[in-house]
Amino acid sequence: MSTAISQTWYMTRRHLMVFARQPAYAIITLIQPVIWLFLFGSLFKKVVELGGFGTTTYLDYLVPGVVVMSALSSNMWAGMGTLEEMQRGTLNRFLTTPVSRAALMNGNVVNNGLVTALQSVIIVLLGLLGGADYPGGVGGVAVLVLASVLLGTVFGALSNALGMLVRERESIIGINTFLLLPLTFLSSAFMAPSQMPSWMRHVADFNPLDWAMVAGRSAMSADTDWGAVGGRTAALLVLAVAAVWLSIRTFRSYQRSV
C-alpha cells in the first residue's frame, strides 16, 4: 500500500513539474473564472432581488458556482494528457517497469486535484477582493475547496477512463463539449433553485456538479446545514472512489491490448 502511494506521488510530481514550467497556463485558466465572476456577476447582479438566493449580493452566490465550474472544466480534460502519453509511447514504456498501474492512472488525477485546490483558493480570494462575503469563514471555504477537488477527481478519473476507451482526441473533445453546458445549466450555478423550473430542480438533485455547489454554499453561509453538507460531500466521495476504480479497470483493459 505504501509503495503504491509513493509511486503515485512520484507520478504526480512528474505532472506538477510540467505545470510549474508553464506558469502562463495557470494564468490562462483563471481568465474564464474572472469573466464569470466580474462580467457575468455584474450583468446579473440585480437577479438576487427575485429572492431565494440566501445572500445579499449575487457575487456571494456566484463564487461557489464559479469555483465548482472551474474544477469541472479543468478536470474533464485529464484524459487528453493520458491520451498524449499513450500516443508518444510514454505509457507503454512505463508498462515495462514495476510501477503500480494505479499510480500510472492516478498521477494526473492527484495533480489535477492539487491544481484545482490552488485555483479554487485563488477564485475565492478574487471574489473577496470584489466584495464577496463568506460568513462561514475559513472552514466554509475549506469545505468548498474539498467539494471542488472531489468533483474534479470524479471527472478527472472518468476522463482518464474515456481516454483509455476511445483513444481519439476528437471523441474526448466532442463528449466533453456535449456534457459541459448541460451539467452547468442543469444546476444551481447561476440561479437559485426556487427560481428554476421544477423539472430542472429535480434533474439538479442528481447532478454531482450541484452537489458540490450546495455543499460549498451551505458551508460558507451564516446558517450552515451540516446535514446537506455531509450528505453531498459523502456522495461525491463515493462517486470519486467509483470513478477512480473504473479508470484503473479500463487501464488494465488497455494493458492487455498492447
C-alpha atoms as a PDB file:
ATOM      1  CA  MET A   1       0.000   0.000   0.000  1.00  0.00           C
ATOM      2  CA  SER A   2       2.763   2.436   0.972  1.00  0.00           C
ATOM      3  CA  THR A   3       4.624   1.562  -2.231  1.00  0.00           C
ATOM      4  CA  ALA A   4       1.564   2.361  -4.365  1.00  0.00           C
ATOM      5  CA  ILE A   5       1.162   5.694  -2.567  1.00  0.00           C
ATOM      6  CA  SER A   6       4.809   6.643  -3.021  1.00  0.00           C
ATOM      7  CA  GLN A   7       4.692   5.676  -6.700  1.00  0.00           C
ATOM      8  CA  THR A   8       1.502   7.718  -7.170  1.00  0.00           C
ATOM      9  CA  TRP A   9       3.264  10.689  -5.617  1.00  0.00           C
ATOM     10  CA  TYR A  10       6.207  10.191  -7.963  1.00  0.00           C
ATOM     11  CA  MET A  11       3.877  10.201 -10.970  1.00  0.00           C
ATOM     12  CA  THR A  12       2.107  13.248  -9.547  1.00  0.00           C
ATOM     13  CA  ARG A  13       5.404  15.126  -9.272  1.00  0.00           C
ATOM     14  CA  ARG A  14       6.030  14.494 -12.990  1.00  0.00           C
ATOM     15  CA  HIS A  15       2.835  16.364 -13.795  1.00  0.00           C
ATOM     16  CA  LEU A  16       3.486  19.077 -11.214  1.00  0.00           C
ATOM     17  CA  MET A  17       6.896  19.778 -12.758  1.00  0.00           C
ATOM     18  CA  VAL A  18       5.228  20.276 -16.138  1.00  0.00           C
ATOM     19  CA  PHE A  19       2.689  22.619 -14.548  1.00  0.00           C
ATOM     20  CA  ALA A  20       5.441  24.575 -12.785  1.00  0.00           C
ATOM     21  CA  ARG A  21       7.296  25.073 -16.073  1.00  0.00           C
ATOM     22  CA  GLN A  22       4.197  26.624 -17.663  1.00  0.00           C
ATOM     23  CA  PRO A  23       3.099  29.482 -15.377  1.00  0.00           C
ATOM     24  CA  ALA A  24       1.282  31.116 -18.302  1.00  0.00           C
ATOM     25  CA  TYR A  25      -1.093  28.137 -18.359  1.00  0.00           C
ATOM     26  CA  ALA A  26      -2.102  28.759 -14.739  1.00  0.00           C
ATOM     27  CA  ILE A  27      -2.889  32.388 -15.562  1.00  0.00           C
ATOM     28  CA  ILE A  28      -4.863  31.489 -18.688  1.00  0.00           C
ATOM     29  CA  THR A  29      -7.044  29.013 -16.804  1.00  0.00           C
ATOM     30  CA  LEU A  30      -8.118  31.831 -14.459  1.00  0.00           C
ATOM     31  CA  ILE A  31      -9.322  34.105 -17.265  1.00  0.00           C
ATOM     32  CA  GLN A  32     -12.678  32.377 -17.657  1.00  0.00           C
ATOM     33  CA  PRO A  33     -13.451  32.376 -13.885  1.00  0.00           C
ATOM     34  CA  VAL A  34     -12.647  36.096 -13.776  1.00  0.00           C
ATOM     35  CA  ILE A  35     -15.080  36.684 -16.665  1.00  0.00           C
ATOM     36  CA  TRP A  36     -17.808  34.730 -14.883  1.00  0.00           C
ATOM     37  CA  LEU A  37     -17.209  36.495 -11.579  1.00  0.00           C
ATOM     38  CA  PHE A  38     -16.970  40.092 -12.654  1.00  0.00           C
ATOM     39  CA  LEU A  39     -18.621  40.410 -16.070  1.00  0.00           C
ATOM     40  CA  PHE A  40     -21.413  37.890 -15.652  1.00  0.00           C
ATOM     41  CA  GLY A  41     -21.746  38.793 -11.967  1.00  0.00           C
ATOM     42  CA  SER A  42     -22.108  42.495 -12.751  1.00  0.00           C
ATOM     43  CA  LEU A  43     -24.555  41.868 -15.599  1.00  0.00           C
ATOM     44  CA  PHE A  44     -26.943  39.840 -13.424  1.00  0.00           C
ATOM     45  CA  LYS A  45     -26.294  41.422 -10.020  1.00  0.00           C
ATOM     46  CA  LYS A  46     -29.937  42.501  -9.623  1.00  0.00           C
ATOM     47  CA  VAL A  47     -31.204  38.945 -10.023  1.00  0.00           C
ATOM     48  CA  VAL A  48     -30.959  38.452  -6.229  1.00  0.00           C
ATOM     49  CA  GLU A  49     -33.979  40.734  -5.911  1.00  0.00           C
ATOM     50  CA  LEU A  50     -36.063  37.786  -7.155  1.00  0.00           C
ATOM     51  CA  GLY A  51     -35.391  36.083  -3.815  1.00  0.00           C
ATOM     52  CA  GLY A  52     -34.328  32.585  -2.825  1.00  0.00           C
ATOM     53  CA  PHE A  53     -30.586  33.141  -3.161  1.00  0.00           C
ATOM     54  CA  GLY A  54     -29.876  33.315   0.576  1.00  0.00           C
ATOM     55  CA  THR A  55     -27.361  36.135   0.042  1.00  0.00           C
ATOM     56  CA  THR A  56     -27.494  39.912  -0.192  1.00  0.00           C
ATOM     57  CA  THR A  57     -25.339  40.123  -3.327  1.00  0.00           C
ATOM     58  CA  TYR A  58     -25.189  37.974  -6.431  1.00  0.00           C
ATOM     59  CA  LEU A  59     -21.392  37.761  -6.174  1.00  0.00           C
ATOM     60  CA  ASP A  60     -21.714  35.931  -2.836  1.00  0.00           C
ATOM     61  CA  TYR A  61     -23.923  33.366  -4.561  1.00  0.00           C
ATOM     62  CA  LEU A  62     -21.819  33.156  -7.714  1.00  0.00           C
ATOM     63  CA  VAL A  63     -18.371  32.496  -6.176  1.00  0.00           C
ATOM     64  CA  PRO A  64     -19.041  28.849  -5.120  1.00  0.00           C
ATOM     65  CA  GLY A  65     -20.612  28.194  -8.513  1.00  0.00           C
ATOM     66  CA  VAL A  66     -17.586  29.528 -10.371  1.00  0.00           C
ATOM     67  CA  VAL A  67     -15.202  27.524  -8.147  1.00  0.00           C
ATOM     68  CA  VAL A  68     -17.057  24.286  -8.891  1.00  0.00           C
ATOM     69  CA  MET A  69     -17.458  25.088 -12.605  1.00  0.00           C
ATOM     70  CA  SER A  70     -13.717  25.727 -12.854  1.00  0.00           C
ATOM     71  CA  ALA A  71     -12.990  22.375 -11.188  1.00  0.00           C
ATOM     72  CA  LEU A  72     -15.267  20.617 -13.660  1.00  0.00           C
ATOM     73  CA  SER A  73     -13.954  22.280 -16.816  1.00  0.00           C
ATOM     74  CA  SER A  74     -10.269  21.815 -15.959  1.00  0.00           C
ATOM     75  CA  ASN A  75     -10.518  18.165 -14.866  1.00  0.00           C
ATOM     76  CA  MET A  76     -12.663  16.996 -17.771  1.00  0.00           C
ATOM     77  CA  TRP A  77      -9.568  17.190 -19.978  1.00  0.00           C
ATOM     78  CA  ALA A  78      -7.382  14.850 -17.901  1.00  0.00           C
ATOM     79  CA  GLY A  79      -7.927  12.131 -20.477  1.00  0.00           C
ATOM     80  CA  MET A  80      -6.224  14.276 -23.119  1.00  0.00           C
ATOM     81  CA  GLY A  81      -2.981  14.099 -21.156  1.00  0.00           C
ATOM     82  CA  THR A  82      -3.330  10.341 -20.783  1.00  0.00           C
ATOM     83  CA  LEU A  83      -4.037  10.003 -24.497  1.00  0.00           C
ATOM     84  CA  GLU A  84      -0.970  12.098 -25.329  1.00  0.00           C
ATOM     85  CA  GLU A  85       1.242   9.824 -23.220  1.00  0.00           C
ATOM     86  CA  MET A  86      -0.245   6.813 -24.987  1.00  0.00           C
ATOM     87  CA  GLN A  87       0.467   8.275 -28.428  1.00  0.00           C
ATOM     88  CA  ARG A  88       4.038   9.278 -27.514  1.00  0.00           C
ATOM     89  CA  GLY A  89       4.708   5.793 -26.160  1.00  0.00           C
ATOM     90  CA  THR A  90       5.480   7.078 -22.650  1.00  0.00           C
ATOM     91  CA  LEU A  91       2.729   4.985 -21.097  1.00  0.00           C
ATOM     92  CA  ASN A  92       3.919   1.815 -22.815  1.00  0.00           C
ATOM     93  CA  ARG A  93       7.471   2.392 -21.568  1.00  0.00           C
ATOM     94  CA  PHE A  94       6.152   2.653 -18.006  1.00  0.00           C
ATOM     95  CA  LEU A  95       4.408  -0.687 -18.506  1.00  0.00           C
ATOM     96  CA  THR A  96       7.833  -2.344 -18.716  1.00  0.00           C
ATOM     97  CA  THR A  97       8.617  -1.152 -15.165  1.00  0.00           C
ATOM     98  CA  PRO A  98       7.236  -2.493 -11.861  1.00  0.00           C
ATOM     99  CA  VAL A  99       5.429   0.786 -11.145  1.00  0.00           C
ATOM    100  CA  SER A 100       1.880   0.394  -9.818  1.00  0.00           C
ATOM    101  CA  ARG A 101      -0.754   0.536 -12.560  1.00  0.00           C
ATOM    102  CA  ALA A 102      -2.979   2.528 -10.230  1.00  0.00           C
ATOM    103  CA  ALA A 103      -0.171   5.080  -9.870  1.00  0.00           C
ATOM    104  CA  LEU A 104       0.051   5.438 -13.649  1.00  0.00           C
ATOM    105  CA  MET A 105      -3.638   6.304 -13.845  1.00  0.00           C
ATOM    106  CA  ASN A 106      -3.942   8.363 -10.678  1.00  0.00           C
ATOM    107  CA  GLY A 107      -0.853  10.557 -11.022  1.00  0.00           C
ATOM    108  CA  ASN A 108      -2.564  13.139 -13.202  1.00  0.00           C
ATOM    109  CA  VAL A 109      -5.775  12.899 -11.139  1.00  0.00           C
ATOM    110  CA  VAL A 110      -3.890  13.807  -7.948  1.00  0.00           C
ATOM    111  CA  ASN A 111      -2.008  16.531  -9.821  1.00  0.00           C
ATOM    112  CA  ASN A 112      -5.291  17.983 -11.092  1.00  0.00           C
ATOM    113  CA  GLY A 113      -6.703  17.814  -7.568  1.00  0.00           C
ATOM    114  CA  LEU A 114      -3.826  19.892  -6.210  1.00  0.00           C
ATOM    115  CA  VAL A 115      -4.112  22.381  -9.067  1.00  0.00           C
ATOM    116  CA  THR A 116      -7.888  22.548  -8.549  1.00  0.00           C
ATOM    117  CA  ALA A 117      -7.403  23.335  -4.853  1.00  0.00           C
ATOM    118  CA  LEU A 118      -4.998  26.161  -5.743  1.00  0.00           C
ATOM    119  CA  GLN A 119      -7.338  27.564  -8.393  1.00  0.00           C
ATOM    120  CA  SER A 120     -10.297  27.355  -6.010  1.00  0.00           C
ATOM    121  CA  VAL A 121      -8.487  29.347  -3.335  1.00  0.00           C
ATOM    122  CA  ILE A 122      -7.461  31.983  -5.886  1.00  0.00           C
ATOM    123  CA  ILE A 123     -11.065  32.333  -7.131  1.00  0.00           C
ATOM    124  CA  VAL A 124     -12.316  32.687  -3.552  1.00  0.00           C
ATOM    125  CA  LEU A 125      -9.716  35.418  -2.927  1.00  0.00           C
ATOM    126  CA  LEU A 126     -10.694  37.190  -6.152  1.00  0.00           C
ATOM    127  CA  GLY A 127     -14.305  37.133  -5.002  1.00  0.00           C
ATOM    128  CA  LEU A 128     -13.247  38.556  -1.658  1.00  0.00           C
ATOM    129  CA  LEU A 129     -11.410  41.382  -3.404  1.00  0.00           C
ATOM    130  CA  GLY A 130     -14.558  42.023  -5.450  1.00  0.00           C
ATOM    131  CA  GLY A 131     -16.626  42.464  -2.289  1.00  0.00           C
ATOM    132  CA  ALA A 132     -17.981  38.966  -1.650  1.00  0.00           C
ATOM    133  CA  ASP A 133     -18.727  37.981   1.940  1.00  0.00           C
ATOM    134  CA  TYR A 134     -18.157  34.496   3.396  1.00  0.00           C
ATOM    135  CA  PRO A 135     -19.955  34.181   6.753  1.00  0.00           C
ATOM    136  CA  GLY A 136     -18.852  30.548   7.052  1.00  0.00           C
ATOM    137  CA  GLY A 137     -15.239  31.692   7.353  1.00  0.00           C
ATOM    138  CA  VAL A 138     -12.181  29.604   6.624  1.00  0.00           C
ATOM    139  CA  GLY A 139     -13.993  26.376   7.487  1.00  0.00           C
ATOM    140  CA  GLY A 140     -16.666  27.078   4.906  1.00  0.00           C
ATOM    141  CA  VAL A 141     -14.047  27.847   2.269  1.00  0.00           C
ATOM    142  CA  ALA A 142     -12.245  24.602   3.125  1.00  0.00           C
ATOM    143  CA  VAL A 143     -15.461  22.626   2.543  1.00  0.00           C
ATOM    144  CA  LEU A 144     -15.946  24.351  -0.816  1.00  0.00           C
ATOM    145  CA  VAL A 145     -12.365  23.527  -1.858  1.00  0.00           C
ATOM    146  CA  LEU A 146     -12.792  19.910  -0.730  1.00  0.00           C
ATOM    147  CA  ALA A 147     -16.050  19.583  -2.676  1.00  0.00           C
ATOM    148  CA  SER A 148     -14.444  21.024  -5.819  1.00  0.00           C
ATOM    149  CA  VAL A 149     -11.454  18.654  -5.514  1.00  0.00           C
ATOM    150  CA  LEU A 150     -13.755  15.641  -5.094  1.00  0.00           C
ATOM    151  CA  LEU A 151     -15.808  16.722  -8.106  1.00  0.00           C
ATOM    152  CA  GLY A 152     -12.584  17.211 -10.081  1.00  0.00           C
ATOM    153  CA  THR A 153     -11.458  13.720  -9.075  1.00  0.00           C
ATOM    154  CA  VAL A 154     -14.725  12.239 -10.352  1.00  0.00           C
ATOM    155  CA  PHE A 155     -14.454  13.837 -13.777  1.00  0.00           C
ATOM    156  CA  GLY A 156     -10.662  13.550 -13.992  1.00  0.00           C
ATOM    157  CA  ALA A 157     -10.825   9.794 -13.399  1.00  0.00           C
ATOM    158  CA  LEU A 158     -13.769   9.404 -15.790  1.00  0.00           C
ATOM    159  CA  SER A 159     -11.854  11.381 -18.403  1.00  0.00           C
ATOM    160  CA  ASN A 160      -8.900   9.020 -17.995  1.00  0.00           C
ATOM    161  CA  ALA A 161     -11.226   6.055 -18.438  1.00  0.00           C
ATOM    162  CA  LEU A 162     -12.690   7.701 -21.527  1.00  0.00           C
ATOM    163  CA  GLY A 163      -9.212   8.211 -22.953  1.00  0.00           C
ATOM    164  CA  MET A 164      -8.451   4.533 -22.433  1.00  0.00           C
ATOM    165  CA  LEU A 165     -11.656   3.504 -24.188  1.00  0.00           C
ATOM    166  CA  VAL A 166     -11.956   5.827 -27.200  1.00  0.00           C
ATOM    167  CA  ARG A 167      -8.246   6.639 -27.755  1.00  0.00           C
ATOM    168  CA  GLU A 168      -9.132   9.580 -30.015  1.00  0.00           C
ATOM    169  CA  ARG A 169      -8.812  13.304 -29.284  1.00  0.00           C
ATOM    170  CA  GLU A 170     -11.876  14.188 -31.336  1.00  0.00           C
ATOM    171  CA  SER A 171     -14.083  11.839 -29.340  1.00  0.00           C
ATOM    172  CA  ILE A 172     -12.914  13.245 -26.000  1.00  0.00           C
ATOM    173  CA  ILE A 173     -13.407  16.820 -27.210  1.00  0.00           C
ATOM    174  CA  GLY A 174     -16.863  16.020 -28.557  1.00  0.00           C
ATOM    175  CA  ILE A 175     -18.056  14.243 -25.402  1.00  0.00           C
ATOM    176  CA  ASN A 176     -16.662  16.921 -23.068  1.00  0.00           C
ATOM    177  CA  THR A 177     -18.204  19.722 -25.120  1.00  0.00           C
ATOM    178  CA  PHE A 178     -21.537  17.909 -25.101  1.00  0.00           C
ATOM    179  CA  LEU A 179     -21.506  17.426 -21.307  1.00  0.00           C
ATOM    180  CA  LEU A 180     -20.096  20.737 -20.056  1.00  0.00           C
ATOM    181  CA  LEU A 181     -23.017  23.091 -20.719  1.00  0.00           C
ATOM    182  CA  PRO A 182     -25.851  20.704 -19.700  1.00  0.00           C
ATOM    183  CA  LEU A 183     -24.078  19.856 -16.437  1.00  0.00           C
ATOM    184  CA  THR A 184     -23.554  23.561 -15.741  1.00  0.00           C
ATOM    185  CA  PHE A 185     -27.012  24.862 -16.578  1.00  0.00           C
ATOM    186  CA  LEU A 186     -28.850  21.911 -15.033  1.00  0.00           C
ATOM    187  CA  SER A 187     -27.511  23.013 -11.660  1.00  0.00           C
ATOM    188  CA  SER A 188     -27.808  25.952  -9.289  1.00  0.00           C
ATOM    189  CA  ALA A 189     -24.634  27.550 -10.666  1.00  0.00           C
ATOM    190  CA  PHE A 190     -26.308  30.802 -11.715  1.00  0.00           C
ATOM    191  CA  MET A 191     -29.870  30.650 -10.424  1.00  0.00           C
ATOM    192  CA  ALA A 192     -31.425  29.897  -7.064  1.00  0.00           C
ATOM    193  CA  PRO A 193     -33.285  26.553  -7.079  1.00  0.00           C
ATOM    194  CA  SER A 194     -36.554  28.277  -6.143  1.00  0.00           C
ATOM    195  CA  GLN A 195     -36.353  30.293  -9.373  1.00  0.00           C
ATOM    196  CA  MET A 196     -35.657  27.278 -11.590  1.00  0.00           C
ATOM    197  CA  PRO A 197     -38.345  25.289 -13.438  1.00  0.00           C
ATOM    198  CA  SER A 198     -39.447  22.306 -11.348  1.00  0.00           C
ATOM    199  CA  TRP A 199     -38.040  19.746 -13.800  1.00  0.00           C
ATOM    200  CA  MET A 200     -34.634  21.445 -13.649  1.00  0.00           C
ATOM    201  CA  ARG A 201     -34.670  21.298  -9.853  1.00  0.00           C
ATOM    202  CA  HIS A 202     -35.337  17.563  -9.973  1.00  0.00           C
ATOM    203  CA  VAL A 203     -32.546  16.985 -12.506  1.00  0.00           C
ATOM    204  CA  ALA A 204     -30.147  19.105 -10.410  1.00  0.00           C
ATOM    205  CA  ASP A 205     -30.765  16.797  -7.428  1.00  0.00           C
ATOM    206  CA  PHE A 206     -28.898  14.073  -9.363  1.00  0.00           C
ATOM    207  CA  ASN A 207     -26.171  16.337 -10.753  1.00  0.00           C
ATOM    208  CA  PRO A 208     -22.765  15.917  -8.998  1.00  0.00           C
ATOM    209  CA  LEU A 209     -21.918  19.480 -10.012  1.00  0.00           C
ATOM    210  CA  ASP A 210     -24.893  20.702  -7.983  1.00  0.00           C
ATOM    211  CA  TRP A 211     -23.916  18.522  -5.022  1.00  0.00           C
ATOM    212  CA  ALA A 212     -20.578  20.323  -4.796  1.00  0.00           C
ATOM    213  CA  MET A 213     -22.243  23.735  -5.134  1.00  0.00           C
ATOM    214  CA  VAL A 214     -24.860  23.031  -2.451  1.00  0.00           C
ATOM    215  CA  ALA A 215     -22.207  21.709  -0.046  1.00  0.00           C
ATOM    216  CA  GLY A 216     -19.921  24.694  -0.645  1.00  0.00           C
ATOM    217  CA  ARG A 217     -22.655  27.350  -0.473  1.00  0.00           C
ATOM    218  CA  SER A 218     -24.191  25.913   2.664  1.00  0.00           C
ATOM    219  CA  ALA A 219     -20.817  25.655   4.424  1.00  0.00           C
ATOM    220  CA  MET A 220     -19.975  29.257   3.506  1.00  0.00           C
ATOM    221  CA  SER A 221     -23.322  30.658   4.662  1.00  0.00           C
ATOM    222  CA  ALA A 222     -24.163  32.071   8.065  1.00  0.00           C
ATOM    223  CA  ASP A 223     -26.695  29.279   8.721  1.00  0.00           C
ATOM    224  CA  THR A 224     -24.929  26.105   7.644  1.00  0.00           C
ATOM    225  CA  ASP A 225     -26.974  22.978   7.050  1.00  0.00           C
ATOM    226  CA  TRP A 226     -24.359  20.397   8.018  1.00  0.00           C
ATOM    227  CA  GLY A 227     -26.683  17.546   7.078  1.00  0.00           C
ATOM    228  CA  ALA A 228     -26.784  18.789   3.482  1.00  0.00           C
ATOM    229  CA  VAL A 229     -23.024  19.429   3.516  1.00  0.00           C
ATOM    230  CA  GLY A 230     -22.170  15.997   4.899  1.00  0.00           C
ATOM    231  CA  GLY A 231     -24.607  14.107   2.678  1.00  0.00           C
ATOM    232  CA  ARG A 232     -23.475  15.686  -0.561  1.00  0.00           C
ATOM    233  CA  THR A 233     -19.781  15.541   0.316  1.00  0.00           C
ATOM    234  CA  ALA A 234     -20.133  11.844   1.159  1.00  0.00           C
ATOM    235  CA  ALA A 235     -21.937  11.244  -2.149  1.00  0.00           C
ATOM    236  CA  LEU A 236     -19.095  12.970  -4.016  1.00  0.00           C
ATOM    237  CA  LEU A 237     -16.530  10.858  -2.150  1.00  0.00           C
ATOM    238  CA  VAL A 238     -18.316   7.622  -3.070  1.00  0.00           C
ATOM    239  CA  LEU A 239     -18.574   8.732  -6.687  1.00  0.00           C
ATOM    240  CA  ALA A 240     -14.882   9.700  -6.737  1.00  0.00           C
ATOM    241  CA  VAL A 241     -13.826   6.276  -5.417  1.00  0.00           C
ATOM    242  CA  ALA A 242     -16.021   4.562  -8.021  1.00  0.00           C
ATOM    243  CA  ALA A 243     -14.608   6.713 -10.833  1.00  0.00           C
ATOM    244  CA  VAL A 244     -11.006   6.002  -9.792  1.00  0.00           C
ATOM    245  CA  TRP A 245     -11.771   2.268  -9.642  1.00  0.00           C
ATOM    246  CA  LEU A 246     -13.293   2.427 -13.120  1.00  0.00           C
ATOM    247  CA  SER A 247     -10.285   4.243 -14.544  1.00  0.00           C
ATOM    248  CA  ILE A 248      -7.935   1.595 -13.151  1.00  0.00           C
ATOM    249  CA  ARG A 249     -10.089  -1.165 -14.628  1.00  0.00           C
ATOM    250  CA  THR A 250     -10.059   0.451 -18.072  1.00  0.00           C
ATOM    251  CA  PHE A 251      -6.288   0.829 -17.835  1.00  0.00           C
ATOM    252  CA  ARG A 252      -5.883  -2.889 -17.183  1.00  0.00           C
ATOM    253  CA  SER A 253      -8.028  -3.494 -20.256  1.00  0.00           C
ATOM    254  CA  TYR A 254      -5.724  -1.215 -22.270  1.00  0.00           C
ATOM    255  CA  GLN A 255      -2.685  -3.037 -20.877  1.00  0.00           C
ATOM    256  CA  ARG A 256      -3.985  -6.365 -22.167  1.00  0.00           C
ATOM    257  CA  SER A 257      -4.443  -4.880 -25.640  1.00  0.00           C
ATOM    258  CA  VAL A 258      -0.798  -3.778 -26.108  1.00  0.00           C
END
